mmCIF file of all heavy atoms, coordinates in Angstrom:
data_MODEL
# 
_entry.id   MODEL 
# 
loop_
_atom_site.group_PDB 
_atom_site.id 
_atom_site.type_symbol 
_atom_site.label_atom_id 
_atom_site.label_alt_id 
_atom_site.label_comp_id 
_atom_site.label_asym_id 
_atom_site.label_entity_id 
_atom_site.label_seq_id 
_atom_site.pdbx_PDB_ins_code 
_atom_site.Cartn_x 
_atom_site.Cartn_y 
_atom_site.Cartn_z 
_atom_site.occupancy 
_atom_site.B_iso_or_equiv 
_atom_site.pdbx_formal_charge 
_atom_site.auth_seq_id 
_atom_site.auth_comp_id 
_atom_site.auth_asym_id 
_atom_site.auth_atom_id 
_atom_site.pdbx_PDB_model_num 
ATOM 1   N N   . SER A 1 1  ? 7.090   0.921   13.712 1.00 0.00 ? 1  SER A N   1 
ATOM 2   C CA  . SER A 1 1  ? 6.328   0.394   14.858 1.00 0.00 ? 1  SER A CA  1 
ATOM 3   C C   . SER A 1 1  ? 5.957   1.475   15.857 1.00 0.00 ? 1  SER A C   1 
ATOM 4   O O   . SER A 1 1  ? 5.158   1.284   16.743 1.00 0.00 ? 1  SER A O   1 
ATOM 5   C CB  . SER A 1 1  ? 7.128   -0.681  15.573 1.00 0.00 ? 1  SER A CB  1 
ATOM 6   O OG  . SER A 1 1  ? 8.363   -0.213  16.016 1.00 0.00 ? 1  SER A OG  1 
ATOM 7   N N   . GLN A 1 2  ? 6.550   2.715   15.732 1.00 0.00 ? 2  GLN A N   1 
ATOM 8   C CA  . GLN A 1 2  ? 6.272   3.752   16.671 1.00 0.00 ? 2  GLN A CA  1 
ATOM 9   C C   . GLN A 1 2  ? 4.767   4.069   16.708 1.00 0.00 ? 2  GLN A C   1 
ATOM 10  O O   . GLN A 1 2  ? 4.220   4.481   17.717 1.00 0.00 ? 2  GLN A O   1 
ATOM 11  C CB  . GLN A 1 2  ? 7.035   5.025   16.306 1.00 0.00 ? 2  GLN A CB  1 
ATOM 12  C CG  . GLN A 1 2  ? 6.705   6.224   17.169 1.00 0.00 ? 2  GLN A CG  1 
ATOM 13  C CD  . GLN A 1 2  ? 7.527   7.452   16.840 1.00 0.00 ? 2  GLN A CD  1 
ATOM 14  O OE1 . GLN A 1 2  ? 8.713   7.337   16.547 1.00 0.00 ? 2  GLN A OE1 1 
ATOM 15  N NE2 . GLN A 1 2  ? 6.911   8.578   16.824 1.00 0.00 ? 2  GLN A NE2 1 
ATOM 16  N N   . THR A 1 3  ? 4.098   3.957   15.553 1.00 0.00 ? 3  THR A N   1 
ATOM 17  C CA  . THR A 1 3  ? 2.680   4.312   15.519 1.00 0.00 ? 3  THR A CA  1 
ATOM 18  C C   . THR A 1 3  ? 1.791   3.108   15.576 1.00 0.00 ? 3  THR A C   1 
ATOM 19  O O   . THR A 1 3  ? 0.674   3.091   15.161 1.00 0.00 ? 3  THR A O   1 
ATOM 20  C CB  . THR A 1 3  ? 2.393   5.058   14.204 1.00 0.00 ? 3  THR A CB  1 
ATOM 21  O OG1 . THR A 1 3  ? 2.758   4.239   13.114 1.00 0.00 ? 3  THR A OG1 1 
ATOM 22  C CG2 . THR A 1 3  ? 3.128   6.378   14.119 1.00 0.00 ? 3  THR A CG2 1 
ATOM 23  N N   . GLY A 1 4  ? 2.293   2.040   16.180 1.00 0.00 ? 4  GLY A N   1 
ATOM 24  C CA  . GLY A 1 4  ? 1.464   0.847   16.363 1.00 0.00 ? 4  GLY A CA  1 
ATOM 25  C C   . GLY A 1 4  ? 1.519   -0.091  15.191 1.00 0.00 ? 4  GLY A C   1 
ATOM 26  O O   . GLY A 1 4  ? 0.762   -1.057  15.122 1.00 0.00 ? 4  GLY A O   1 
ATOM 27  N N   . THR A 1 5  ? 2.407   0.150   14.222 1.00 0.00 ? 5  THR A N   1 
ATOM 28  C CA  . THR A 1 5  ? 2.457   -0.686  13.082 1.00 0.00 ? 5  THR A CA  1 
ATOM 29  C C   . THR A 1 5  ? 3.172   -1.993  13.366 1.00 0.00 ? 5  THR A C   1 
ATOM 30  O O   . THR A 1 5  ? 4.190   -2.006  13.939 1.00 0.00 ? 5  THR A O   1 
ATOM 31  C CB  . THR A 1 5  ? 3.232   0.023   11.944 1.00 0.00 ? 5  THR A CB  1 
ATOM 32  O OG1 . THR A 1 5  ? 2.535   1.211   11.630 1.00 0.00 ? 5  THR A OG1 1 
ATOM 33  C CG2 . THR A 1 5  ? 3.382   -0.833  10.725 1.00 0.00 ? 5  THR A CG2 1 
ATOM 34  N N   . SER A 1 6  ? 2.591   -3.051  12.912 1.00 0.00 ? 6  SER A N   1 
ATOM 35  C CA  . SER A 1 6  ? 3.244   -4.375  13.048 1.00 0.00 ? 6  SER A CA  1 
ATOM 36  C C   . SER A 1 6  ? 4.025   -4.656  11.765 1.00 0.00 ? 6  SER A C   1 
ATOM 37  O O   . SER A 1 6  ? 3.462   -4.867  10.714 1.00 0.00 ? 6  SER A O   1 
ATOM 38  C CB  . SER A 1 6  ? 2.220   -5.456  13.264 1.00 0.00 ? 6  SER A CB  1 
ATOM 39  O OG  . SER A 1 6  ? 2.809   -6.733  13.136 1.00 0.00 ? 6  SER A OG  1 
ATOM 40  N N   . ALA A 1 7  ? 5.328   -4.662  11.847 1.00 0.00 ? 7  ALA A N   1 
ATOM 41  C CA  . ALA A 1 7  ? 6.169   -4.951  10.682 1.00 0.00 ? 7  ALA A CA  1 
ATOM 42  C C   . ALA A 1 7  ? 6.018   -6.357  10.220 1.00 0.00 ? 7  ALA A C   1 
ATOM 43  O O   . ALA A 1 7  ? 6.440   -6.727  9.130  1.00 0.00 ? 7  ALA A O   1 
ATOM 44  C CB  . ALA A 1 7  ? 7.633   -4.643  11.037 1.00 0.00 ? 7  ALA A CB  1 
ATOM 45  N N   . LYS A 1 8  ? 5.406   -7.209  11.052 1.00 0.00 ? 8  LYS A N   1 
ATOM 46  C CA  . LYS A 1 8  ? 5.255   -8.627  10.728 1.00 0.00 ? 8  LYS A CA  1 
ATOM 47  C C   . LYS A 1 8  ? 3.940   -8.950  10.052 1.00 0.00 ? 8  LYS A C   1 
ATOM 48  O O   . LYS A 1 8  ? 3.608   -10.110 9.856  1.00 0.00 ? 8  LYS A O   1 
ATOM 49  C CB  . LYS A 1 8  ? 5.420   -9.471  12.012 1.00 0.00 ? 8  LYS A CB  1 
ATOM 50  C CG  . LYS A 1 8  ? 6.800   -9.330  12.608 1.00 0.00 ? 8  LYS A CG  1 
ATOM 51  C CD  . LYS A 1 8  ? 6.945   -10.209 13.878 1.00 0.00 ? 8  LYS A CD  1 
ATOM 52  C CE  . LYS A 1 8  ? 8.302   -10.109 14.502 1.00 0.00 ? 8  LYS A CE  1 
ATOM 53  N NZ  . LYS A 1 8  ? 8.448   -10.945 15.729 1.00 0.00 ? 8  LYS A NZ  1 
ATOM 54  N N   . ALA A 1 9  ? 3.163   -7.912  9.765  1.00 0.00 ? 9  ALA A N   1 
ATOM 55  C CA  . ALA A 1 9  ? 1.866   -8.195  9.076  1.00 0.00 ? 9  ALA A CA  1 
ATOM 56  C C   . ALA A 1 9  ? 2.124   -8.906  7.789  1.00 0.00 ? 9  ALA A C   1 
ATOM 57  O O   . ALA A 1 9  ? 3.026   -8.627  7.044  1.00 0.00 ? 9  ALA A O   1 
ATOM 58  C CB  . ALA A 1 9  ? 1.130   -6.857  8.795  1.00 0.00 ? 9  ALA A CB  1 
ATOM 59  N N   . SER A 1 10 ? 1.311   -9.927  7.529  1.00 0.00 ? 10 SER A N   1 
ATOM 60  C CA  . SER A 1 10 ? 1.529   -10.809 6.386  1.00 0.00 ? 10 SER A CA  1 
ATOM 61  C C   . SER A 1 10 ? 1.236   -10.063 5.100  1.00 0.00 ? 10 SER A C   1 
ATOM 62  O O   . SER A 1 10 ? 0.482   -9.073  5.065  1.00 0.00 ? 10 SER A O   1 
ATOM 63  C CB  . SER A 1 10 ? 0.629   -12.021 6.505  1.00 0.00 ? 10 SER A CB  1 
ATOM 64  O OG  . SER A 1 10 ? -0.705  -11.693 6.375  1.00 0.00 ? 10 SER A OG  1 
ATOM 65  N N   . VAL A 1 11 ? 1.785   -10.575 4.034  1.00 0.00 ? 11 VAL A N   1 
ATOM 66  C CA  . VAL A 1 11 ? 1.520   -9.974  2.701  1.00 0.00 ? 11 VAL A CA  1 
ATOM 67  C C   . VAL A 1 11 ? 0.045   -10.073 2.394  1.00 0.00 ? 11 VAL A C   1 
ATOM 68  O O   . VAL A 1 11 ? -0.544  -9.118  1.853  1.00 0.00 ? 11 VAL A O   1 
ATOM 69  C CB  . VAL A 1 11 ? 2.361   -10.680 1.600  1.00 0.00 ? 11 VAL A CB  1 
ATOM 70  C CG1 . VAL A 1 11 ? 1.938   -10.216 0.229  1.00 0.00 ? 11 VAL A CG1 1 
ATOM 71  C CG2 . VAL A 1 11 ? 3.827   -10.485 1.857  1.00 0.00 ? 11 VAL A CG2 1 
ATOM 72  N N   . SER A 1 12 ? -0.607  -11.176 2.726  1.00 0.00 ? 12 SER A N   1 
ATOM 73  C CA  . SER A 1 12 ? -2.018  -11.304 2.438  1.00 0.00 ? 12 SER A CA  1 
ATOM 74  C C   . SER A 1 12 ? -2.825  -10.274 3.238  1.00 0.00 ? 12 SER A C   1 
ATOM 75  O O   . SER A 1 12 ? -3.817  -9.733  2.724  1.00 0.00 ? 12 SER A O   1 
ATOM 76  C CB  . SER A 1 12 ? -2.482  -12.725 2.808  1.00 0.00 ? 12 SER A CB  1 
ATOM 77  O OG  . SER A 1 12 ? -2.292  -13.003 4.197  1.00 0.00 ? 12 SER A OG  1 
ATOM 78  N N   . GLN A 1 13 ? -2.441  -10.002 4.500  1.00 0.00 ? 13 GLN A N   1 
ATOM 79  C CA  . GLN A 1 13 ? -3.137  -8.998  5.271  1.00 0.00 ? 13 GLN A CA  1 
ATOM 80  C C   . GLN A 1 13 ? -2.930  -7.608  4.694  1.00 0.00 ? 13 GLN A C   1 
ATOM 81  O O   . GLN A 1 13 ? -3.849  -6.810  4.631  1.00 0.00 ? 13 GLN A O   1 
ATOM 82  C CB  . GLN A 1 13 ? -2.683  -9.023  6.738  1.00 0.00 ? 13 GLN A CB  1 
ATOM 83  C CG  . GLN A 1 13 ? -3.481  -8.099  7.661  1.00 0.00 ? 13 GLN A CG  1 
ATOM 84  C CD  . GLN A 1 13 ? -4.962  -8.409  7.643  1.00 0.00 ? 13 GLN A CD  1 
ATOM 85  O OE1 . GLN A 1 13 ? -5.340  -9.526  7.945  1.00 0.00 ? 13 GLN A OE1 1 
ATOM 86  N NE2 . GLN A 1 13 ? -5.811  -7.441  7.302  1.00 0.00 ? 13 GLN A NE2 1 
ATOM 87  N N   . GLN A 1 14 ? -1.718  -7.302  4.231  1.00 0.00 ? 14 GLN A N   1 
ATOM 88  C CA  . GLN A 1 14 ? -1.477  -6.015  3.601  1.00 0.00 ? 14 GLN A CA  1 
ATOM 89  C C   . GLN A 1 14 ? -2.314  -5.875  2.331  1.00 0.00 ? 14 GLN A C   1 
ATOM 90  O O   . GLN A 1 14 ? -2.819  -4.792  2.046  1.00 0.00 ? 14 GLN A O   1 
ATOM 91  C CB  . GLN A 1 14 ? 0.000   -5.896  3.301  1.00 0.00 ? 14 GLN A CB  1 
ATOM 92  C CG  . GLN A 1 14 ? 0.834   -5.743  4.559  1.00 0.00 ? 14 GLN A CG  1 
ATOM 93  C CD  . GLN A 1 14 ? 2.341   -5.727  4.290  1.00 0.00 ? 14 GLN A CD  1 
ATOM 94  O OE1 . GLN A 1 14 ? 3.136   -5.618  5.201  1.00 0.00 ? 14 GLN A OE1 1 
ATOM 95  N NE2 . GLN A 1 14 ? 2.755   -5.853  3.039  1.00 0.00 ? 14 GLN A NE2 1 
ATOM 96  N N   . THR A 1 15 ? -2.475  -6.934  1.592  1.00 0.00 ? 15 THR A N   1 
ATOM 97  C CA  . THR A 1 15 ? -3.349  -6.922  0.396  1.00 0.00 ? 15 THR A CA  1 
ATOM 98  C C   . THR A 1 15 ? -4.765  -6.611  0.786  1.00 0.00 ? 15 THR A C   1 
ATOM 99  O O   . THR A 1 15 ? -5.462  -5.803  0.141  1.00 0.00 ? 15 THR A O   1 
ATOM 100 C CB  . THR A 1 15 ? -3.283  -8.228  -0.359 1.00 0.00 ? 15 THR A CB  1 
ATOM 101 O OG1 . THR A 1 15 ? -1.910  -8.510  -0.753 1.00 0.00 ? 15 THR A OG1 1 
ATOM 102 C CG2 . THR A 1 15 ? -4.172  -8.260  -1.561 1.00 0.00 ? 15 THR A CG2 1 
ATOM 103 N N   . LYS A 1 16 ? -5.229  -7.233  1.859  1.00 0.00 ? 16 LYS A N   1 
ATOM 104 C CA  . LYS A 1 16 ? -6.599  -6.979  2.343  1.00 0.00 ? 16 LYS A CA  1 
ATOM 105 C C   . LYS A 1 16 ? -6.758  -5.523  2.818  1.00 0.00 ? 16 LYS A C   1 
ATOM 106 O O   . LYS A 1 16 ? -7.776  -4.893  2.591  1.00 0.00 ? 16 LYS A O   1 
ATOM 107 C CB  . LYS A 1 16 ? -6.941  -7.926  3.527  1.00 0.00 ? 16 LYS A CB  1 
ATOM 108 C CG  . LYS A 1 16 ? -7.104  -9.377  3.076  1.00 0.00 ? 16 LYS A CG  1 
ATOM 109 C CD  . LYS A 1 16 ? -7.368  -10.259 4.286  1.00 0.00 ? 16 LYS A CD  1 
ATOM 110 C CE  . LYS A 1 16 ? -7.471  -11.728 3.882  1.00 0.00 ? 16 LYS A CE  1 
ATOM 111 N NZ  . LYS A 1 16 ? -7.686  -12.628 5.082  1.00 0.00 ? 16 LYS A NZ  1 
ATOM 112 N N   . ASN A 1 17 ? -5.696  -4.996  3.444  1.00 0.00 ? 17 ASN A N   1 
ATOM 113 C CA  . ASN A 1 17 ? -5.717  -3.614  3.944  1.00 0.00 ? 17 ASN A CA  1 
ATOM 114 C C   . ASN A 1 17 ? -5.853  -2.650  2.786  1.00 0.00 ? 17 ASN A C   1 
ATOM 115 O O   . ASN A 1 17 ? -6.590  -1.662  2.843  1.00 0.00 ? 17 ASN A O   1 
ATOM 116 C CB  . ASN A 1 17 ? -4.488  -3.310  4.775  1.00 0.00 ? 17 ASN A CB  1 
ATOM 117 C CG  . ASN A 1 17 ? -4.494  -4.015  6.103  1.00 0.00 ? 17 ASN A CG  1 
ATOM 118 O OD1 . ASN A 1 17 ? -5.471  -4.579  6.547  1.00 0.00 ? 17 ASN A OD1 1 
ATOM 119 N ND2 . ASN A 1 17 ? -3.321  -4.029  6.761  1.00 0.00 ? 17 ASN A ND2 1 
ATOM 120 N N   . LYS A 1 18 ? -5.063  -2.904  1.709  1.00 0.00 ? 18 LYS A N   1 
ATOM 121 C CA  . LYS A 1 18 ? -5.139  -2.064  0.542  1.00 0.00 ? 18 LYS A CA  1 
ATOM 122 C C   . LYS A 1 18 ? -6.527  -2.128  -0.100 1.00 0.00 ? 18 LYS A C   1 
ATOM 123 O O   . LYS A 1 18 ? -7.054  -1.094  -0.531 1.00 0.00 ? 18 LYS A O   1 
ATOM 124 C CB  . LYS A 1 18 ? -4.040  -2.431  -0.438 1.00 0.00 ? 18 LYS A CB  1 
ATOM 125 C CG  . LYS A 1 18 ? -2.643  -2.022  -0.024 1.00 0.00 ? 18 LYS A CG  1 
ATOM 126 C CD  . LYS A 1 18 ? -1.624  -2.136  -1.167 1.00 0.00 ? 18 LYS A CD  1 
ATOM 127 C CE  . LYS A 1 18 ? -1.357  -3.600  -1.526 1.00 0.00 ? 18 LYS A CE  1 
ATOM 128 N NZ  . LYS A 1 18 ? -0.289  -3.667  -2.567 1.00 0.00 ? 18 LYS A NZ  1 
ATOM 129 N N   . GLN A 1 19 ? -7.072  -3.320  -0.178 1.00 0.00 ? 19 GLN A N   1 
ATOM 130 C CA  . GLN A 1 19 ? -8.379  -3.439  -0.792 1.00 0.00 ? 19 GLN A CA  1 
ATOM 131 C C   . GLN A 1 19 ? -9.432  -2.732  0.024  1.00 0.00 ? 19 GLN A C   1 
ATOM 132 O O   . GLN A 1 19 ? -10.365 -2.104  -0.523 1.00 0.00 ? 19 GLN A O   1 
ATOM 133 C CB  . GLN A 1 19 ? -8.759  -4.891  -0.923 1.00 0.00 ? 19 GLN A CB  1 
ATOM 134 C CG  . GLN A 1 19 ? -10.004 -5.144  -1.767 1.00 0.00 ? 19 GLN A CG  1 
ATOM 135 C CD  . GLN A 1 19 ? -9.857  -4.615  -3.179 1.00 0.00 ? 19 GLN A CD  1 
ATOM 136 O OE1 . GLN A 1 19 ? -8.955  -4.982  -3.921 1.00 0.00 ? 19 GLN A OE1 1 
ATOM 137 N NE2 . GLN A 1 19 ? -10.755 -3.697  -3.598 1.00 0.00 ? 19 GLN A NE2 1 
ATOM 138 N N   . LEU A 1 20 ? -9.334  -2.793  1.335  1.00 0.00 ? 20 LEU A N   1 
ATOM 139 C CA  . LEU A 1 20 ? -10.263 -2.041  2.208  1.00 0.00 ? 20 LEU A CA  1 
ATOM 140 C C   . LEU A 1 20 ? -10.207 -0.539  1.891  1.00 0.00 ? 20 LEU A C   1 
ATOM 141 O O   . LEU A 1 20 ? -11.262 0.102   1.729  1.00 0.00 ? 20 LEU A O   1 
ATOM 142 C CB  . LEU A 1 20 ? -9.865  -2.265  3.688  1.00 0.00 ? 20 LEU A CB  1 
ATOM 143 C CG  . LEU A 1 20 ? -10.611 -1.430  4.727  1.00 0.00 ? 20 LEU A CG  1 
ATOM 144 C CD1 . LEU A 1 20 ? -12.071 -1.901  4.883  1.00 0.00 ? 20 LEU A CD1 1 
ATOM 145 C CD2 . LEU A 1 20 ? -9.909  -1.443  6.084  1.00 0.00 ? 20 LEU A CD2 1 
ATOM 146 N N   . VAL A 1 21 ? -9.004  -0.020  1.776  1.00 0.00 ? 21 VAL A N   1 
ATOM 147 C CA  . VAL A 1 21 ? -8.882  1.419   1.516  1.00 0.00 ? 21 VAL A CA  1 
ATOM 148 C C   . VAL A 1 21 ? -9.385  1.765   0.124  1.00 0.00 ? 21 VAL A C   1 
ATOM 149 O O   . VAL A 1 21 ? -10.091 2.760   -0.063 1.00 0.00 ? 21 VAL A O   1 
ATOM 150 C CB  . VAL A 1 21 ? -7.398  1.845   1.676  1.00 0.00 ? 21 VAL A CB  1 
ATOM 151 C CG1 . VAL A 1 21 ? -7.180  3.261   1.146  1.00 0.00 ? 21 VAL A CG1 1 
ATOM 152 C CG2 . VAL A 1 21 ? -6.962  1.755   3.138  1.00 0.00 ? 21 VAL A CG2 1 
ATOM 153 N N   . MET A 1 22 ? -9.062  0.936   -0.865 1.00 0.00 ? 22 MET A N   1 
ATOM 154 C CA  . MET A 1 22 ? -9.558  1.166   -2.210 1.00 0.00 ? 22 MET A CA  1 
ATOM 155 C C   . MET A 1 22 ? -11.078 1.131   -2.281 1.00 0.00 ? 22 MET A C   1 
ATOM 156 O O   . MET A 1 22 ? -11.716 1.950   -2.942 1.00 0.00 ? 22 MET A O   1 
ATOM 157 C CB  . MET A 1 22 ? -8.977  0.146   -3.202 1.00 0.00 ? 22 MET A CB  1 
ATOM 158 C CG  . MET A 1 22 ? -7.503  0.304   -3.440 1.00 0.00 ? 22 MET A CG  1 
ATOM 159 S SD  . MET A 1 22 ? -7.087  1.861   -4.348 1.00 0.00 ? 22 MET A SD  1 
ATOM 160 C CE  . MET A 1 22 ? -7.680  1.427   -5.994 1.00 0.00 ? 22 MET A CE  1 
ATOM 161 N N   . ASN A 1 23 ? -11.676 0.211   -1.548 1.00 0.00 ? 23 ASN A N   1 
ATOM 162 C CA  . ASN A 1 23 ? -13.150 0.141   -1.484 1.00 0.00 ? 23 ASN A CA  1 
ATOM 163 C C   . ASN A 1 23 ? -13.733 1.408   -0.865 1.00 0.00 ? 23 ASN A C   1 
ATOM 164 O O   . ASN A 1 23 ? -14.752 1.919   -1.278 1.00 0.00 ? 23 ASN A O   1 
ATOM 165 C CB  . ASN A 1 23 ? -13.567 -1.089  -0.721 1.00 0.00 ? 23 ASN A CB  1 
ATOM 166 C CG  . ASN A 1 23 ? -13.311 -2.404  -1.457 1.00 0.00 ? 23 ASN A CG  1 
ATOM 167 O OD1 . ASN A 1 23 ? -13.065 -2.381  -2.641 1.00 0.00 ? 23 ASN A OD1 1 
ATOM 168 N ND2 . ASN A 1 23 ? -13.354 -3.480  -0.727 1.00 0.00 ? 23 ASN A ND2 1 
ATOM 169 N N   . MET A 1 24 ? -13.051 1.886   0.185  1.00 0.00 ? 24 MET A N   1 
ATOM 170 C CA  . MET A 1 24 ? -13.509 3.116   0.835  1.00 0.00 ? 24 MET A CA  1 
ATOM 171 C C   . MET A 1 24 ? -13.421 4.299   -0.118 1.00 0.00 ? 24 MET A C   1 
ATOM 172 O O   . MET A 1 24 ? -14.377 5.114   -0.167 1.00 0.00 ? 24 MET A O   1 
ATOM 173 C CB  . MET A 1 24 ? -12.667 3.367   2.086  1.00 0.00 ? 24 MET A CB  1 
ATOM 174 C CG  . MET A 1 24 ? -13.147 4.522   2.961  1.00 0.00 ? 24 MET A CG  1 
ATOM 175 S SD  . MET A 1 24 ? -12.408 6.094   2.536  1.00 0.00 ? 24 MET A SD  1 
ATOM 176 C CE  . MET A 1 24 ? -10.726 5.814   3.041  1.00 0.00 ? 24 MET A CE  1 
ATOM 177 N N   . TYR A 1 25 ? -12.349 4.413   -0.850 1.00 0.00 ? 25 TYR A N   1 
ATOM 178 C CA  . TYR A 1 25 ? -12.231 5.482   -1.847 1.00 0.00 ? 25 TYR A CA  1 
ATOM 179 C C   . TYR A 1 25 ? -13.386 5.398   -2.824 1.00 0.00 ? 25 TYR A C   1 
ATOM 180 O O   . TYR A 1 25 ? -14.006 6.442   -3.143 1.00 0.00 ? 25 TYR A O   1 
ATOM 181 C CB  . TYR A 1 25 ? -10.891 5.391   -2.588 1.00 0.00 ? 25 TYR A CB  1 
ATOM 182 C CG  . TYR A 1 25 ? -9.796  6.168   -1.966 1.00 0.00 ? 25 TYR A CG  1 
ATOM 183 C CD1 . TYR A 1 25 ? -9.168  5.756   -0.826 1.00 0.00 ? 25 TYR A CD1 1 
ATOM 184 C CD2 . TYR A 1 25 ? -9.395  7.418   -2.516 1.00 0.00 ? 25 TYR A CD2 1 
ATOM 185 C CE1 . TYR A 1 25 ? -8.141  6.485   -0.227 1.00 0.00 ? 25 TYR A CE1 1 
ATOM 186 C CE2 . TYR A 1 25 ? -8.387  8.159   -1.948 1.00 0.00 ? 25 TYR A CE2 1 
ATOM 187 C CZ  . TYR A 1 25 ? -7.771  7.673   -0.792 1.00 0.00 ? 25 TYR A CZ  1 
ATOM 188 O OH  . TYR A 1 25 ? -6.758  8.432   -0.197 1.00 0.00 ? 25 TYR A OH  1 
ATOM 189 N N   . GLN A 1 26 ? -13.663 4.224   -3.321 1.00 0.00 ? 26 GLN A N   1 
ATOM 190 C CA  . GLN A 1 26 ? -14.708 4.061   -4.338 1.00 0.00 ? 26 GLN A CA  1 
ATOM 191 C C   . GLN A 1 26 ? -16.097 4.425   -3.756 1.00 0.00 ? 26 GLN A C   1 
ATOM 192 O O   . GLN A 1 26 ? -16.851 5.204   -4.329 1.00 0.00 ? 26 GLN A O   1 
ATOM 193 C CB  . GLN A 1 26 ? -14.697 2.672   -4.893 1.00 0.00 ? 26 GLN A CB  1 
ATOM 194 C CG  . GLN A 1 26 ? -15.771 2.375   -5.949 1.00 0.00 ? 26 GLN A CG  1 
ATOM 195 C CD  . GLN A 1 26 ? -15.610 3.200   -7.204 1.00 0.00 ? 26 GLN A CD  1 
ATOM 196 O OE1 . GLN A 1 26 ? -14.530 3.701   -7.454 1.00 0.00 ? 26 GLN A OE1 1 
ATOM 197 N NE2 . GLN A 1 26 ? -16.667 3.346   -7.964 1.00 0.00 ? 26 GLN A NE2 1 
ATOM 198 N N   . ASP A 1 27 ? -16.428 3.830   -2.607 1.00 0.00 ? 27 ASP A N   1 
ATOM 199 C CA  . ASP A 1 27 ? -17.774 4.021   -2.044 1.00 0.00 ? 27 ASP A CA  1 
ATOM 200 C C   . ASP A 1 27 ? -17.970 5.423   -1.451 1.00 0.00 ? 27 ASP A C   1 
ATOM 201 O O   . ASP A 1 27 ? -18.989 6.073   -1.689 1.00 0.00 ? 27 ASP A O   1 
ATOM 202 C CB  . ASP A 1 27 ? -18.003 2.967   -0.927 1.00 0.00 ? 27 ASP A CB  1 
ATOM 203 C CG  . ASP A 1 27 ? -18.263 1.593   -1.478 1.00 0.00 ? 27 ASP A CG  1 
ATOM 204 O OD1 . ASP A 1 27 ? -18.566 1.487   -2.682 1.00 0.00 ? 27 ASP A OD1 1 
ATOM 205 O OD2 . ASP A 1 27 ? -18.207 0.638   -0.703 1.00 0.00 ? 27 ASP A OD2 1 
ATOM 206 N N   . VAL A 1 28 ? -17.009 5.851   -0.646 1.00 0.00 ? 28 VAL A N   1 
ATOM 207 C CA  . VAL A 1 28 ? -17.194 7.121   0.103  1.00 0.00 ? 28 VAL A CA  1 
ATOM 208 C C   . VAL A 1 28 ? -16.710 8.328   -0.668 1.00 0.00 ? 28 VAL A C   1 
ATOM 209 O O   . VAL A 1 28 ? -17.448 9.285   -0.858 1.00 0.00 ? 28 VAL A O   1 
ATOM 210 C CB  . VAL A 1 28 ? -16.494 7.013   1.478  1.00 0.00 ? 28 VAL A CB  1 
ATOM 211 C CG1 . VAL A 1 28 ? -16.686 8.315   2.279  1.00 0.00 ? 28 VAL A CG1 1 
ATOM 212 C CG2 . VAL A 1 28 ? -17.081 5.849   2.278  1.00 0.00 ? 28 VAL A CG2 1 
ATOM 213 N N   . PHE A 1 29 ? -15.413 8.332   -1.084 1.00 0.00 ? 29 PHE A N   1 
ATOM 214 C CA  . PHE A 1 29 ? -14.864 9.492   -1.705 1.00 0.00 ? 29 PHE A CA  1 
ATOM 215 C C   . PHE A 1 29 ? -15.423 9.758   -3.118 1.00 0.00 ? 29 PHE A C   1 
ATOM 216 O O   . PHE A 1 29 ? -15.574 10.915  -3.521 1.00 0.00 ? 29 PHE A O   1 
ATOM 217 C CB  . PHE A 1 29 ? -13.353 9.379   -1.780 1.00 0.00 ? 29 PHE A CB  1 
ATOM 218 C CG  . PHE A 1 29 ? -12.721 9.435   -0.414 1.00 0.00 ? 29 PHE A CG  1 
ATOM 219 C CD1 . PHE A 1 29 ? -11.362 9.021   -0.284 1.00 0.00 ? 29 PHE A CD1 1 
ATOM 220 C CD2 . PHE A 1 29 ? -13.383 9.875   0.697  1.00 0.00 ? 29 PHE A CD2 1 
ATOM 221 C CE1 . PHE A 1 29 ? -10.756 9.034   0.953  1.00 0.00 ? 29 PHE A CE1 1 
ATOM 222 C CE2 . PHE A 1 29 ? -12.771 9.913   1.945  1.00 0.00 ? 29 PHE A CE2 1 
ATOM 223 C CZ  . PHE A 1 29 ? -11.433 9.474   2.057  1.00 0.00 ? 29 PHE A CZ  1 
# 
């Protein structure tokens, strides 16, 4: 939590976060 992380983020939100990053890798990188 020191860096603003919410330890209570739901599993579904974490799944969405991972998909966002994977999409960014595919599109941008």
